Amino acid sequence: MTLIPKSVYGQIFTGNLFFDPIIGSVLGSLLTGNPITAYILGNGFLKAGISLIAVTAFMVSWTTVGIIQFPAESLIMGKRFAIFRNISAFLIAIIVAIFTVFLLSII
C-alpha cells in the first residue's frame, strides 16, 4: 500500500459497478495470497477510497483463484479440474461481491 500512490488506485478502479468487481477479481487472481493479507489489503483499499464491491471481489479472488499455483494444481488434480475450478472461483468472486454489496445496502 505504501509503494503505490493513491492516485494509481483511482486510475485502476473507476467506481463503475460493472467494471470494478471484474478488475478486482483479475487483480486478486493474479496477486494470489493468504486470507490474513487479504484483510489488511482490503482495509487499505477501502481507506484509499476504492468501492466495497471492488474490494470484496479482490479479497474473494485473492484467496480462491490460483493463477500462480495453477501449474502445481493441474499436475496434481488434473488440468481440466484446475481450469474449471479457477474459472468458477473467478466468476463466483464477482457474484459474491455483487451480492455482498447488495445485501449490505438493504441492511
Protein backbone atom coordinates (compact mmCIF):
# COMPACT_ATOMS: atom_id res chain seq x y z
CA MET A 1 0.00 0.00 0.00
CA THR A 2 2.90 2.38 0.60
CA LEU A 3 4.67 1.58 -2.66
CA ILE A 4 1.74 2.57 -4.88
CA PRO A 5 0.30 6.10 -4.62
CA LYS A 6 -3.44 6.52 -4.04
CA SER A 7 -3.80 8.22 -7.42
CA VAL A 8 -2.97 4.92 -9.14
CA TYR A 9 -5.90 3.23 -7.40
CA GLY A 10 -8.23 5.88 -8.78
CA GLN A 11 -6.97 5.14 -12.28
CA ILE A 12 -7.42 1.38 -11.92
CA PHE A 13 -10.74 1.41 -10.07
CA THR A 14 -13.13 3.88 -11.68
CA GLY A 15 -16.10 3.44 -9.34
CA ASN A 16 -18.08 1.68 -12.06
CA LEU A 17 -20.32 -1.00 -10.53
CA PHE A 18 -19.85 -3.24 -13.57
CA PHE A 19 -16.10 -2.99 -14.18
CA ASP A 20 -14.78 -2.62 -10.63
CA PRO A 21 -15.63 -6.17 -9.49
CA ILE A 22 -14.11 -7.57 -12.69
CA ILE A 23 -10.94 -5.53 -12.21
CA GLY A 24 -10.81 -6.52 -8.53
CA SER A 25 -11.19 -10.19 -9.44
CA VAL A 26 -8.50 -10.01 -12.09
CA LEU A 27 -6.05 -8.34 -9.71
CA GLY A 28 -6.88 -10.75 -6.91
CA SER A 29 -6.43 -13.70 -9.26
CA LEU A 30 -3.02 -12.54 -10.41
CA LEU A 31 -1.77 -11.46 -6.97
CA THR A 32 -2.71 -14.57 -5.04
CA GLY A 33 -2.20 -14.58 -1.29
CA ASN A 34 -3.49 -15.76 2.06
CA PRO A 35 -6.68 -14.57 3.81
CA ILE A 36 -4.95 -12.56 6.55
CA THR A 37 -3.11 -10.49 3.97
CA ALA A 38 -6.37 -10.01 2.05
CA TYR A 39 -7.98 -8.40 5.11
CA ILE A 40 -5.06 -6.00 5.52
CA LEU A 41 -5.06 -5.06 1.84
CA GLY A 42 -8.85 -4.77 1.78
CA ASN A 43 -8.77 -2.33 4.67
CA GLY A 44 -6.11 -0.28 2.92
CA PHE A 45 -8.10 -0.25 -0.32
CA LEU A 46 -11.24 0.90 1.48
CA LYS A 47 -9.29 3.69 3.19
CA ALA A 48 -7.93 4.69 -0.24
CA GLY A 49 -11.49 5.18 -1.45
CA ILE A 50 -11.95 2.05 -3.54
CA SER A 51 -15.53 0.78 -3.69
CA LEU A 52 -16.64 -2.07 -1.45
CA ILE A 53 -17.68 -4.14 -4.46
CA ALA A 54 -14.15 -3.99 -5.92
CA VAL A 55 -12.52 -4.77 -2.59
CA THR A 56 -14.84 -7.73 -1.97
CA ALA A 57 -14.17 -9.17 -5.43
CA PHE A 58 -10.44 -8.68 -4.89
CA MET A 59 -10.46 -10.39 -1.50
CA VAL A 60 -12.52 -13.39 -2.62
CA SER A 61 -10.46 -13.98 -5.76
CA TRP A 62 -7.20 -13.33 -3.85
CA THR A 63 -7.91 -16.36 -1.66
CA THR A 64 -9.78 -18.67 -4.06
CA VAL A 65 -8.33 -18.23 -7.56
CA GLY A 66 -4.81 -19.53 -8.05
CA ILE A 67 -3.19 -18.45 -11.29
CA ILE A 68 0.26 -18.70 -9.72
CA GLN A 69 -0.46 -22.17 -8.28
CA PHE A 70 -2.10 -23.38 -11.50
CA PRO A 71 0.86 -25.46 -12.75
CA ALA A 72 1.09 -27.41 -9.49
CA GLU A 73 -2.67 -27.75 -9.16
CA SER A 74 -3.07 -29.02 -12.72
CA LEU A 75 -0.26 -31.50 -12.20
CA ILE A 76 -1.81 -32.91 -9.04
CA MET A 77 -5.54 -32.56 -9.70
CA GLY A 78 -5.61 -32.57 -13.50
CA LYS A 79 -5.61 -29.74 -16.00
CA ARG A 80 -9.35 -29.88 -16.70
CA PHE A 81 -10.22 -29.71 -13.00
CA ALA A 82 -7.78 -26.84 -12.37
CA ILE A 83 -9.17 -24.80 -15.28
CA PHE A 84 -12.78 -25.39 -14.22
CA ARG A 85 -12.08 -24.60 -10.57
CA ASN A 86 -10.23 -21.36 -11.33
CA ILE A 87 -12.83 -20.11 -13.82
CA SER A 88 -15.70 -20.92 -11.47
CA ALA A 89 -13.90 -19.33 -8.49
CA PHE A 90 -13.28 -16.20 -10.58
CA LEU A 91 -16.95 -15.90 -11.53
CA ILE A 92 -18.12 -16.70 -8.01
CA ALA A 93 -15.87 -13.92 -6.65
CA ILE A 94 -17.72 -11.40 -8.82
CA ILE A 95 -21.13 -12.80 -7.83
CA VAL A 96 -20.23 -12.78 -4.12
CA ALA A 97 -19.07 -9.17 -4.38
CA ILE A 98 -22.31 -8.09 -6.04
CA PHE A 99 -24.49 -9.92 -3.52
CA THR A 100 -22.47 -8.66 -0.56
CA VAL A 101 -22.83 -5.03 -1.54
CA PHE A 102 -26.49 -5.51 -2.44
CA LEU A 103 -27.27 -7.16 0.92
CA LEU A 104 -25.37 -4.51 2.86
CA SER A 105 -27.36 -1.79 1.10
CA ILE A 106 -30.59 -3.46 2.23
CA ILE A 107 -29.46 -3.81 5.83
